[in-house]
Amino acid sequence: AELGKSFAQMIRSGKVDIISCTGANLEEDIMNLVAHSHY
């Protein structure tokens, strides 16, 4: 769902200290990074 657009800002701003996520969320952010035009 491309939450990274706002969540990455939260991380860079120091407002997130630790994350718990599913394996799907771990990999799918990187998949979106490298294959977005093919979605």
Full PDB file with SEQRES, HELIX, SHEET, SSBOND, CRYST1, ORIGX, SCALE, CONECT and MASTER records, all heavy atoms in Angstrom:
SEQRES   1 A   39  ALA GLU LEU GLY LYS SER PHE ALA GLN MET ILE ARG SER          
SEQRES   2 A   39  GLY LYS VAL ASP ILE ILE SER CYS THR GLY ALA ASN LEU          
SEQRES   3 A   39  GLU GLU ASP ILE MET ASN LEU VAL ALA HIS SER HIS TYR          
HELIX    1 AA1 GLY A    4  ARG A   12  1                                   9    
HELIX    2 AA2 GLY A   23  ALA A   35  1                                  13    
HELIX    3 AA3 HIS A   36  HIS A   38  5                                   3    
CRYST1    1.000    1.000    1.000  90.00  90.00  90.00 P 1           1          
ORIGX1      1.000000  0.000000  0.000000        0.00000                         
ORIGX2      0.000000  1.000000  0.000000        0.00000                         
ORIGX3      0.000000  0.000000  1.000000        0.00000                         
SCALE1      1.000000  0.000000  0.000000        0.00000                         
SCALE2      0.000000  1.000000  0.000000        0.00000                         
SCALE3      0.000000  0.000000  1.000000        0.00000                         
ATOM      1  N   ALA A   1       0.824  -1.212   0.000  1.00  0.00           N  
ATOM      2  CA  ALA A   1       0.000   0.000   0.000  1.00  0.00           C  
ATOM      3  C   ALA A   1       0.860   1.265   0.000  1.00  0.00           C  
ATOM      4  O   ALA A   1       0.327   2.375   0.067  1.00  0.00           O  
ATOM      5  CB  ALA A   1      -0.931  -0.004   1.212  1.00  0.00           C  
ATOM      6  N   GLU A   2       2.172   1.103  -0.066  1.00  0.00           N  
ATOM      7  CA  GLU A   2       3.145   2.208  -0.119  1.00  0.00           C  
ATOM      8  C   GLU A   2       3.106   3.099   1.122  1.00  0.00           C  
ATOM      9  O   GLU A   2       3.259   4.318   1.040  1.00  0.00           O  
ATOM     10  CB  GLU A   2       2.952   3.042  -1.398  1.00  0.00           C  
ATOM     11  CG  GLU A   2       3.178   2.229  -2.670  1.00  0.00           C  
ATOM     12  CD  GLU A   2       3.171   3.081  -3.937  1.00  0.00           C  
ATOM     13  OE1 GLU A   2       4.105   3.898  -4.112  1.00  0.00           O  
ATOM     14  OE2 GLU A   2       2.229   2.908  -4.737  1.00  0.00           O  
ATOM     15  N   LEU A   3       2.937   2.456   2.280  1.00  0.00           N  
ATOM     16  CA  LEU A   3       2.996   3.204   3.531  1.00  0.00           C  
ATOM     17  C   LEU A   3       4.374   3.829   3.740  1.00  0.00           C  
ATOM     18  O   LEU A   3       4.528   4.774   4.503  1.00  0.00           O  
ATOM     19  CB  LEU A   3       2.661   2.276   4.710  1.00  0.00           C  
ATOM     20  CG  LEU A   3       2.482   2.956   6.074  1.00  0.00           C  
ATOM     21  CD1 LEU A   3       1.258   3.858   6.065  1.00  0.00           C  
ATOM     22  CD2 LEU A   3       2.377   1.928   7.192  1.00  0.00           C  
ATOM     23  N   GLY A   4       5.365   3.286   3.035  1.00  0.00           N  
ATOM     24  CA  GLY A   4       6.724   3.812   3.155  1.00  0.00           C  
ATOM     25  C   GLY A   4       6.836   5.299   2.891  1.00  0.00           C  
ATOM     26  O   GLY A   4       7.737   5.965   3.407  1.00  0.00           O  
ATOM     27  N   LYS A   5       5.921   5.855   2.104  1.00  0.00           N  
ATOM     28  CA  LYS A   5       5.969   7.285   1.797  1.00  0.00           C  
ATOM     29  C   LYS A   5       5.904   8.132   3.067  1.00  0.00           C  
ATOM     30  O   LYS A   5       6.525   9.190   3.154  1.00  0.00           O  
ATOM     31  CB  LYS A   5       4.827   7.661   0.855  1.00  0.00           C  
ATOM     32  CG  LYS A   5       5.022   7.210  -0.585  1.00  0.00           C  
ATOM     33  CD  LYS A   5       3.818   7.567  -1.444  1.00  0.00           C  
ATOM     34  CE  LYS A   5       4.033   7.194  -2.897  1.00  0.00           C  
ATOM     35  NZ  LYS A   5       4.985   8.113  -3.559  1.00  0.00           N  
ATOM     36  N   SER A   6       5.136   7.684   4.061  1.00  0.00           N  
ATOM     37  CA  SER A   6       5.057   8.416   5.329  1.00  0.00           C  
ATOM     38  C   SER A   6       5.854   7.725   6.432  1.00  0.00           C  
ATOM     39  O   SER A   6       6.464   8.389   7.277  1.00  0.00           O  
ATOM     40  CB  SER A   6       3.597   8.580   5.772  1.00  0.00           C  
ATOM     41  OG  SER A   6       2.942   7.325   5.841  1.00  0.00           O  
ATOM     42  N   PHE A   7       5.883   6.397   6.408  1.00  0.00           N  
ATOM     43  CA  PHE A   7       6.553   5.657   7.479  1.00  0.00           C  
ATOM     44  C   PHE A   7       8.062   5.878   7.459  1.00  0.00           C  
ATOM     45  O   PHE A   7       8.704   5.956   8.508  1.00  0.00           O  
ATOM     46  CB  PHE A   7       6.217   4.167   7.363  1.00  0.00           C  
ATOM     47  CG  PHE A   7       6.600   3.347   8.560  1.00  0.00           C  
ATOM     48  CD1 PHE A   7       6.383   3.812   9.854  1.00  0.00           C  
ATOM     49  CD2 PHE A   7       7.168   2.082   8.410  1.00  0.00           C  
ATOM     50  CE1 PHE A   7       6.724   3.060  10.967  1.00  0.00           C  
ATOM     51  CE2 PHE A   7       7.511   1.317   9.515  1.00  0.00           C  
ATOM     52  CZ  PHE A   7       7.295   1.805  10.790  1.00  0.00           C  
ATOM     53  N   ALA A   8       8.642   6.001   6.264  1.00  0.00           N  
ATOM     54  CA  ALA A   8      10.083   6.269   6.173  1.00  0.00           C  
ATOM     55  C   ALA A   8      10.429   7.609   6.819  1.00  0.00           C  
ATOM     56  O   ALA A   8      11.467   7.744   7.475  1.00  0.00           O  
ATOM     57  CB  ALA A   8      10.538   6.245   4.707  1.00  0.00           C  
ATOM     58  N   GLN A   9       9.552   8.590   6.664  1.00  0.00           N  
ATOM     59  CA  GLN A   9       9.757   9.886   7.313  1.00  0.00           C  
ATOM     60  C   GLN A   9       9.721   9.748   8.832  1.00  0.00           C  
ATOM     61  O   GLN A   9      10.491  10.396   9.545  1.00  0.00           O  
ATOM     62  CB  GLN A   9       8.677  10.883   6.883  1.00  0.00           C  
ATOM     63  CG  GLN A   9       8.797  11.389   5.464  1.00  0.00           C  
ATOM     64  CD  GLN A   9       7.691  12.382   5.142  1.00  0.00           C  
ATOM     65  OE1 GLN A   9       6.679  12.039   4.546  1.00  0.00           O  
ATOM     66  NE2 GLN A   9       7.880  13.620   5.527  1.00  0.00           N  
ATOM     67  N   MET A  10       8.812   8.932   9.318  1.00  0.00           N  
ATOM     68  CA  MET A  10       8.719   8.686  10.759  1.00  0.00           C  
ATOM     69  C   MET A  10      10.024   8.085  11.287  1.00  0.00           C  
ATOM     70  O   MET A  10      10.527   8.476  12.351  1.00  0.00           O  
ATOM     71  CB  MET A  10       7.556   7.742  11.052  1.00  0.00           C  
ATOM     72  CG  MET A  10       6.180   8.342  10.873  1.00  0.00           C  
ATOM     73  SD  MET A  10       5.722   9.431  12.246  1.00  0.00           S  
ATOM     74  CE  MET A  10       5.483   8.223  13.556  1.00  0.00           C  
ATOM     75  N   ILE A  11      10.582   7.155  10.536  1.00  0.00           N  
ATOM     76  CA  ILE A  11      11.831   6.507  10.945  1.00  0.00           C  
ATOM     77  C   ILE A  11      12.976   7.509  10.941  1.00  0.00           C  
ATOM     78  O   ILE A  11      13.737   7.617  11.908  1.00  0.00           O  
ATOM     79  CB  ILE A  11      12.135   5.306  10.025  1.00  0.00           C  
ATOM     80  CG1 ILE A  11      11.091   4.202  10.225  1.00  0.00           C  
ATOM     81  CG2 ILE A  11      13.551   4.768  10.284  1.00  0.00           C  
ATOM     82  CD1 ILE A  11      11.148   3.095   9.184  1.00  0.00           C  
ATOM     83  N   ARG A  12      13.094   8.265   9.852  1.00  0.00           N  
ATOM     84  CA  ARG A  12      14.178   9.255   9.756  1.00  0.00           C  
ATOM     85  C   ARG A  12      14.055  10.328  10.832  1.00  0.00           C  
ATOM     86  O   ARG A  12      15.063  10.862  11.295  1.00  0.00           O  
ATOM     87  CB  ARG A  12      14.174   9.907   8.366  1.00  0.00           C  
ATOM     88  CG  ARG A  12      14.708   9.031   7.260  1.00  0.00           C  
ATOM     89  CD  ARG A  12      14.963   9.825   5.988  1.00  0.00           C  
ATOM     90  NE  ARG A  12      13.730  10.394   5.445  1.00  0.00           N  
ATOM     91  CZ  ARG A  12      12.937   9.767   4.577  1.00  0.00           C  
ATOM     92  NH1 ARG A  12      13.240   8.548   4.164  1.00  0.00           N  
ATOM     93  NH2 ARG A  12      11.852  10.355   4.116  1.00  0.00           N  
ATOM     94  N   SER A  13      12.824  10.621  11.259  1.00  0.00           N  
ATOM     95  CA  SER A  13      12.592  11.659  12.266  1.00  0.00           C  
ATOM     96  C   SER A  13      12.767  11.154  13.692  1.00  0.00           C  
ATOM     97  O   SER A  13      12.569  11.916  14.647  1.00  0.00           O  
ATOM     98  CB  SER A  13      11.177  12.238  12.101  1.00  0.00           C  
ATOM     99  OG  SER A  13      11.020  12.826  10.837  1.00  0.00           O  
ATOM    100  N   GLY A  14      13.112   9.881  13.854  1.00  0.00           N  
ATOM    101  CA  GLY A  14      13.357   9.336  15.185  1.00  0.00           C  
ATOM    102  C   GLY A  14      12.095   9.067  15.983  1.00  0.00           C  
ATOM    103  O   GLY A  14      12.143   8.983  17.209  1.00  0.00           O  
ATOM    104  N   LYS A  15      10.970   8.896  15.293  1.00  0.00           N  
ATOM    105  CA  LYS A  15       9.701   8.667  15.987  1.00  0.00           C  
ATOM    106  C   LYS A  15       9.314   7.187  16.038  1.00  0.00           C  
ATOM    107  O   LYS A  15       8.225   6.839  16.490  1.00  0.00           O  
ATOM    108  CB  LYS A  15       8.595   9.495  15.322  1.00  0.00           C  
ATOM    109  CG  LYS A  15       8.870  11.000  15.372  1.00  0.00           C  
ATOM    110  CD  LYS A  15       7.767  11.821  14.749  1.00  0.00           C  
ATOM    111  CE  LYS A  15       8.145  13.296  14.646  1.00  0.00           C  
ATOM    112  NZ  LYS A  15       8.406  13.916  15.975  1.00  0.00           N  
ATOM    113  N   VAL A  16      10.215   6.331  15.572  1.00  0.00           N  
ATOM    114  CA  VAL A  16      10.028   4.876  15.628  1.00  0.00           C  
ATOM    115  C   VAL A  16      11.339   4.282  16.149  1.00  0.00           C  
ATOM    116  O   VAL A  16      12.407   4.585  15.613  1.00  0.00           O  
ATOM    117  CB  VAL A  16       9.711   4.286  14.237  1.00  0.00           C  
ATOM    118  CG1 VAL A  16       9.530   2.780  14.328  1.00  0.00           C  
ATOM    119  CG2 VAL A  16       8.474   4.943  13.632  1.00  0.00           C  
ATOM    120  N   ASP A  17      11.241   3.452  17.175  1.00  0.00           N  
ATOM    121  CA  ASP A  17      12.462   2.903  17.785  1.00  0.00           C  
ATOM    122  C   ASP A  17      12.670   1.427  17.496  1.00  0.00           C  
ATOM    123  O   ASP A  17      13.798   0.931  17.547  1.00  0.00           O  
ATOM    124  CB  ASP A  17      12.418   3.121  19.299  1.00  0.00           C  
ATOM    125  CG  ASP A  17      12.381   4.594  19.650  1.00  0.00           C  
ATOM    126  OD1 ASP A  17      13.424   5.256  19.500  1.00  0.00           O  
ATOM    127  OD2 ASP A  17      11.306   5.096  20.030  1.00  0.00           O  
ATOM    128  N   ILE A  18      11.598   0.725  17.192  1.00  0.00           N  
ATOM    129  CA  ILE A  18      11.688  -0.696  16.874  1.00  0.00           C  
ATOM    130  C   ILE A  18      10.429  -1.055  16.099  1.00  0.00           C  
ATOM    131  O   ILE A  18       9.365  -0.454  16.300  1.00  0.00           O  
ATOM    132  CB  ILE A  18      11.844  -1.562  18.145  1.00  0.00           C  
ATOM    133  CG1 ILE A  18      12.080  -3.043  17.784  1.00  0.00           C  
ATOM    134  CG2 ILE A  18      10.658  -1.403  19.090  1.00  0.00           C  
ATOM    135  CD1 ILE A  18      12.508  -3.907  18.963  1.00  0.00           C  
ATOM    136  N   ILE A  19      10.545  -2.017  15.196  1.00  0.00           N  
ATOM    137  CA  ILE A  19       9.426  -2.434  14.346  1.00  0.00           C  
ATOM    138  C   ILE A  19       9.194  -3.922  14.501  1.00  0.00           C  
ATOM    139  O   ILE A  19      10.139  -4.706  14.613  1.00  0.00           O  
ATOM    140  CB  ILE A  19       9.722  -2.123  12.868  1.00  0.00           C  
ATOM    141  CG1 ILE A  19       9.848  -0.602  12.651  1.00  0.00           C  
ATOM    142  CG2 ILE A  19       8.653  -2.702  11.942  1.00  0.00           C  
ATOM    143  CD1 ILE A  19      10.441  -0.225  11.300  1.00  0.00           C  
ATOM    144  N   SER A  20       7.927  -4.317  14.520  1.00  0.00           N  
ATOM    145  CA  SER A  20       7.553  -5.722  14.379  1.00  0.00           C  
ATOM    146  C   SER A  20       6.720  -5.813  13.117  1.00  0.00           C  
ATOM    147  O   SER A  20       5.734  -5.073  12.969  1.00  0.00           O  
ATOM    148  CB  SER A  20       6.737  -6.203  15.582  1.00  0.00           C  
ATOM    149  OG  SER A  20       6.232  -7.518  15.349  1.00  0.00           O  
ATOM    150  N   CYS A  21       7.107  -6.656  12.190  1.00  0.00           N  
ATOM    151  CA  CYS A  21       6.330  -6.743  10.946  1.00  0.00           C  
ATOM    152  C   CYS A  21       6.293  -8.172  10.431  1.00  0.00           C  
ATOM    153  O   CYS A  21       7.112  -9.012  10.802  1.00  0.00           O  
ATOM    154  CB  CYS A  21       6.906  -5.816   9.876  1.00  0.00           C  
ATOM    155  SG  CYS A  21       8.473  -6.343   9.170  1.00  0.00           S  
ATOM    156  N   THR A  22       5.326  -8.429   9.583  1.00  0.00           N  
ATOM    157  CA  THR A  22       5.261  -9.720   8.917  1.00  0.00           C  
ATOM    158  C   THR A  22       6.390  -9.809   7.894  1.00  0.00           C  
ATOM    159  O   THR A  22       6.918  -8.795   7.439  1.00  0.00           O  
ATOM    160  CB  THR A  22       3.920  -9.872   8.186  1.00  0.00           C  
ATOM    161  OG1 THR A  22       3.781  -8.791   7.252  1.00  0.00           O  
ATOM    162  CG2 THR A  22       2.756  -9.861   9.164  1.00  0.00           C  
ATOM    163  N   GLY A  23       6.715 -11.045   7.512  1.00  0.00           N  
ATOM    164  CA  GLY A  23       7.723 -11.238   6.485  1.00  0.00           C  
ATOM    165  C   GLY A  23       7.324 -10.597   5.172  1.00  0.00           C  
ATOM    166  O   GLY A  23       8.171 -10.115   4.421  1.00  0.00           O  
ATOM    167  N   ALA A  24       6.009 -10.569   4.906  1.00  0.00           N  
ATOM    168  CA  ALA A  24       5.527  -9.950   3.668  1.00  0.00           C  
ATOM    169  C   ALA A  24       5.846  -8.467   3.646  1.00  0.00           C  
ATOM    170  O   ALA A  24       6.326  -7.940   2.632  1.00  0.00           O  
ATOM    171  CB  ALA A  24       4.022 -10.184   3.527  1.00  0.00           C  
ATOM    172  N   ASN A  25       5.597  -7.761   4.741  1.00  0.00           N  
ATOM    173  CA  ASN A  25       5.897  -6.325   4.770  1.00  0.00           C  
ATOM    174  C   ASN A  25       7.397  -6.066   4.673  1.00  0.00           C  
ATOM    175  O   ASN A  25       7.824  -5.071   4.082  1.00  0.00           O  
ATOM    176  CB  ASN A  25       5.326  -5.691   6.037  1.00  0.00           C  
ATOM    177  CG  ASN A  25       3.874  -5.316   5.876  1.00  0.00           C  
ATOM    178  OD1 ASN A  25       3.515  -4.512   5.029  1.00  0.00           O  
ATOM    179  ND2 ASN A  25       3.012  -5.912   6.691  1.00  0.00           N  
ATOM    180  N   LEU A  26       8.195  -6.953   5.247  1.00  0.00           N  
ATOM    181  CA  LEU A  26       9.654  -6.808   5.195  1.00  0.00           C  
ATOM    182  C   LEU A  26      10.139  -6.816   3.748  1.00  0.00           C  
ATOM    183  O   LEU A  26      10.943  -5.977   3.343  1.00  0.00           O  
ATOM    184  CB  LEU A  26      10.310  -7.945   5.983  1.00  0.00           C  
ATOM    185  CG  LEU A  26      11.821  -7.853   6.176  1.00  0.00           C  
ATOM    186  CD1 LEU A  26      12.154  -6.849   7.267  1.00  0.00           C  
ATOM    187  CD2 LEU A  26      12.394  -9.228   6.546  1.00  0.00           C  
ATOM    188  N   GLU A  27       9.634  -7.760   2.957  1.00  0.00           N  
ATOM    189  CA  GLU A  27      10.129  -7.932   1.591  1.00  0.00           C  
ATOM    190  C   GLU A  27       9.399  -7.051   0.576  1.00  0.00           C  
ATOM    191  O   GLU A  27       9.991  -6.595  -0.410  1.00  0.00           O  
ATOM    192  CB  GLU A  27      10.001  -9.398   1.165  1.00  0.00           C  
ATOM    193  CG  GLU A  27       8.562  -9.899   1.058  1.00  0.00           C  
ATOM    194  CD  GLU A  27       8.451 -11.414   1.049  1.00  0.00           C  
ATOM    195  OE1 GLU A  27       9.420 -12.087   1.453  1.00  0.00           O  
ATOM    196  OE2 GLU A  27       7.387 -11.926   0.658  1.00  0.00           O  
ATOM    197  N   GLU A  28       8.099  -6.780   0.826  1.00  0.00           N  
ATOM    198  CA  GLU A  28       7.318  -6.090  -0.199  1.00  0.00           C  
ATOM    199  C   GLU A  28       7.681  -4.615  -0.331  1.00  0.00           C  
ATOM    200  O   GLU A  28       7.468  -4.016  -1.385  1.00  0.00           O  
ATOM    201  CB  GLU A  28       5.824  -6.283   0.047  1.00  0.00           C  
ATOM    202  CG  GLU A  28       5.384  -7.707  -0.296  1.00  0.00           C  
ATOM    203  CD  GLU A  28       3.929  -7.998   0.042  1.00  0.00           C  
ATOM    204  OE1 GLU A  28       3.168  -7.043   0.340  1.00  0.00           O  
ATOM    205  OE2 GLU A  28       3.547  -9.189   0.011  1.00  0.00           O  
ATOM    206  N   ASP A  29       8.235  -4.010   0.717  1.00  0.00           N  
ATOM    207  CA  ASP A  29       8.730  -2.641   0.560  1.00  0.00           C  
ATOM    208  C   ASP A  29       9.891  -2.622  -0.424  1.00  0.00           C  
ATOM    209  O   ASP A  29       9.989  -1.716  -1.265  1.00  0.00           O  
ATOM    210  CB  ASP A  29       9.181  -2.083   1.912  1.00  0.00           C  
ATOM    211  CG  ASP A  29       9.750  -0.678   1.788  1.00  0.00           C  
ATOM    212  OD1 ASP A  29       8.950   0.275   1.750  1.00  0.00           O  
ATOM    213  OD2 ASP A  29      10.987  -0.546   1.709  1.00  0.00           O  
ATOM    214  N   ILE A  30      10.768  -3.616  -0.345  1.00  0.00           N  
ATOM    215  CA  ILE A  30      11.915  -3.672  -1.258  1.00  0.00           C  
ATOM    216  C   ILE A  30      11.456  -4.038  -2.664  1.00  0.00           C  
ATOM    217  O   ILE A  30      11.985  -3.531  -3.658  1.00  0.00           O  
ATOM    218  CB  ILE A  30      12.970  -4.675  -0.739  1.00  0.00           C  
ATOM    219  CG1 ILE A  30      13.368  -4.332   0.699  1.00  0.00           C  
ATOM    220  CG2 ILE A  30      14.200  -4.669  -1.645  1.00  0.00           C  
ATOM    221  CD1 ILE A  30      14.306  -5.333   1.341  1.00  0.00           C  
ATOM    222  N   MET A  31      10.436  -4.902  -2.756  1.00  0.00           N  
ATOM    223  CA  MET A  31       9.901  -5.251  -4.076  1.00  0.00           C  
ATOM    224  C   MET A  31       9.338  -4.015  -4.774  1.00  0.00           C  
ATOM    225  O   MET A  31       9.543  -3.808  -5.971  1.00  0.00           O  
ATOM    226  CB  MET A  31       8.811  -6.314  -3.930  1.00  0.00           C  
ATOM    227  CG  MET A  31       9.324  -7.666  -3.511  1.00  0.00           C  
ATOM    228  SD  MET A  31       7.954  -8.819  -3.254  1.00  0.00           S  
ATOM    229  CE  MET A  31       8.834 -10.239  -2.577  1.00  0.00           C  
ATOM    230  N   ASN A  32       8.638  -3.188  -4.012  1.00  0.00           N  
ATOM    231  CA  ASN A  32       8.104  -1.956  -4.578  1.00  0.00           C  
ATOM    232  C   ASN A  32       9.230  -1.023  -5.016  1.00  0.00           C  
ATOM    233  O   ASN A  32       9.121  -0.332  -6.036  1.00  0.00           O  
ATOM    234  CB  ASN A  32       7.220  -1.248  -3.543  1.00  0.00           C  
ATOM    235  CG  ASN A  32       6.608   0.037  -4.065  1.00  0.00           C  
ATOM    236  OD1 ASN A  32       5.914   0.038  -5.070  1.00  0.00           O  
ATOM    237  ND2 ASN A  32       6.874   1.141  -3.374  1.00  0.00           N  
ATOM    238  N   LEU A  33      10.320  -1.043  -4.294  1.00  0.00           N  
ATOM    239  CA  LEU A  33      11.477  -0.206  -4.632  1.00  0.00           C  
ATOM    240  C   LEU A  33      12.082  -0.598  -5.977  1.00  0.00           C  
ATOM    241  O   LEU A  33      12.459   0.261  -6.768  1.00  0.00           O  
ATOM    242  CB  LEU A  33      12.533  -0.333  -3.518  1.00  0.00           C  
ATOM    243  CG  LEU A  33      13.898   0.331  -3.731  1.00  0.00           C  
ATOM    244  CD1 LEU A  33      13.748   1.848  -3.822  1.00  0.00           C  
ATOM    245  CD2 LEU A  33      14.854  -0.042  -2.591  1.00  0.00           C  
ATOM    246  N   VAL A  34      12.157  -1.910  -6.250  1.00  0.00           N  
ATOM    247  CA  VAL A  34      12.873  -2.372  -7.441  1.00  0.00           C  
ATOM    248  C   VAL A  34      11.975  -2.740  -8.623  1.00  0.00           C  
ATOM    249  O   VAL A  34      12.473  -2.995  -9.716  1.00  0.00           O  
ATOM    250  CB  VAL A  34      13.777  -3.588  -7.108  1.00  0.00           C  
ATOM    251  CG1 VAL A  34      14.762  -3.239  -6.015  1.00  0.00           C  
ATOM    252  CG2 VAL A  34      12.951  -4.818  -6.725  1.00  0.00           C  
ATOM    253  N   ALA A  35      10.662  -2.781  -8.413  1.00  0.00           N  
ATOM    254  CA  ALA A  35       9.787  -3.257  -9.498  1.00  0.00           C  
ATOM    255  C   ALA A  35       8.509  -2.440  -9.651  1.00  0.00           C  
ATOM    256  O   ALA A  35       7.540  -2.907 -10.238  1.00  0.00           O  
ATOM    257  CB  ALA A  35       9.444  -4.729  -9.252  1.00  0.00           C  
ATOM    258  N   HIS A  36       8.506  -1.217  -9.139  1.00  0.00           N  
ATOM    259  CA  HIS A  36       7.269  -0.431  -9.067  1.00  0.00           C  
ATOM    260  C   HIS A  36       6.568  -0.284 -10.416  1.00  0.00           C  
ATOM    261  O   HIS A  36       5.342  -0.383 -10.500  1.00  0.00           O  
ATOM    262  CB  HIS A  36       7.568   0.958  -8.496  1.00  0.00           C  
ATOM    263  CG  HIS A  36       6.351   1.807  -8.313  1.00  0.00           C  
ATOM    264  ND1 HIS A  36       5.457   1.608  -7.288  1.00  0.00           N  
ATOM    265  CD2 HIS A  36       5.861   2.849  -9.041  1.00  0.00           C  
ATOM    266  CE1 HIS A  36       4.479   2.495  -7.378  1.00  0.00           C  
ATOM    267  NE2 HIS A  36       4.704   3.253  -8.431  1.00  0.00           N  
ATOM    268  N   SER A  37       7.299  -0.059 -11.473  1.00  0.00           N  
ATOM    269  CA  SER A  37       6.671   0.173 -12.781  1.00  0.00           C  
ATOM    270  C   SER A  37       6.007  -1.075 -13.340  1.00  0.00           C  
ATOM    271  O   SER A  37       5.189  -0.990 -14.271  1.00  0.00           O  
ATOM    272  CB  SER A  37       7.713   0.691 -13.785  1.00  0.00           C  
ATOM    273  OG  SER A  37       8.658  -0.319 -14.089  1.00  0.00           O  
ATOM    274  N   HIS A  38       6.346  -2.235 -12.789  1.00  0.00           N  
ATOM    275  CA  HIS A  38       5.784  -3.490 -13.266  1.00  0.00           C  
ATOM    276  C   HIS A  38       4.539  -3.912 -12.476  1.00  0.00           C  
ATOM    277  O   HIS A  38       3.894  -4.894 -12.822  1.00  0.00           O  
ATOM    278  CB  HIS A  38       6.831  -4.605 -13.191  1.00  0.00           C  
ATOM    279  CG  HIS A  38       8.043  -4.337 -14.023  1.00  0.00           C  
ATOM    280  ND1 HIS A  38       8.099  -4.624 -15.367  1.00  0.00           N  
ATOM    281  CD2 HIS A  38       9.241  -3.777 -13.702  1.00  0.00           C  
ATOM    282  CE1 HIS A  38       9.284  -4.268 -15.844  1.00  0.00           C  
ATOM    283  NE2 HIS A  38       9.998  -3.756 -14.848  1.00  0.00           N  
ATOM    284  N   TYR A  39       4.233  -3.182 -11.405  1.00  0.00           N  
ATOM    285  CA  TYR A  39       3.021  -3.466 -10.651  1.00  0.00           C  
ATOM    286  C   TYR A  39       1.807  -3.118 -11.519  1.00  0.00           C  
ATOM    287  O   TYR A  39       1.875  -2.221 -12.361  1.00  0.00           O  
ATOM    288  CB  TYR A  39       2.968  -2.644  -9.355  1.00  0.00           C  
ATOM    289  CG  TYR A  39       3.778  -3.212  -8.219  1.00  0.00           C  
ATOM    290  CD1 TYR A  39       5.151  -3.425  -8.335  1.00  0.00           C  
ATOM    291  CD2 TYR A  39       3.176  -3.530  -7.003  1.00  0.00           C  
ATOM    292  CE1 TYR A  39       5.894  -3.938  -7.288  1.00  0.00           C  
ATOM    293  CE2 TYR A  39       3.907  -4.038  -5.945  1.00  0.00           C  
ATOM    294  CZ  TYR A  39       5.271  -4.241  -6.098  1.00  0.00           C  
ATOM    295  OH  TYR A  39       6.003  -4.754  -5.050  1.00  0.00           O  
TER     296      TYR A  39                                                      
MASTER        0    0    0    3    0    0    0    6  295    1    0    3          
END                                                                             
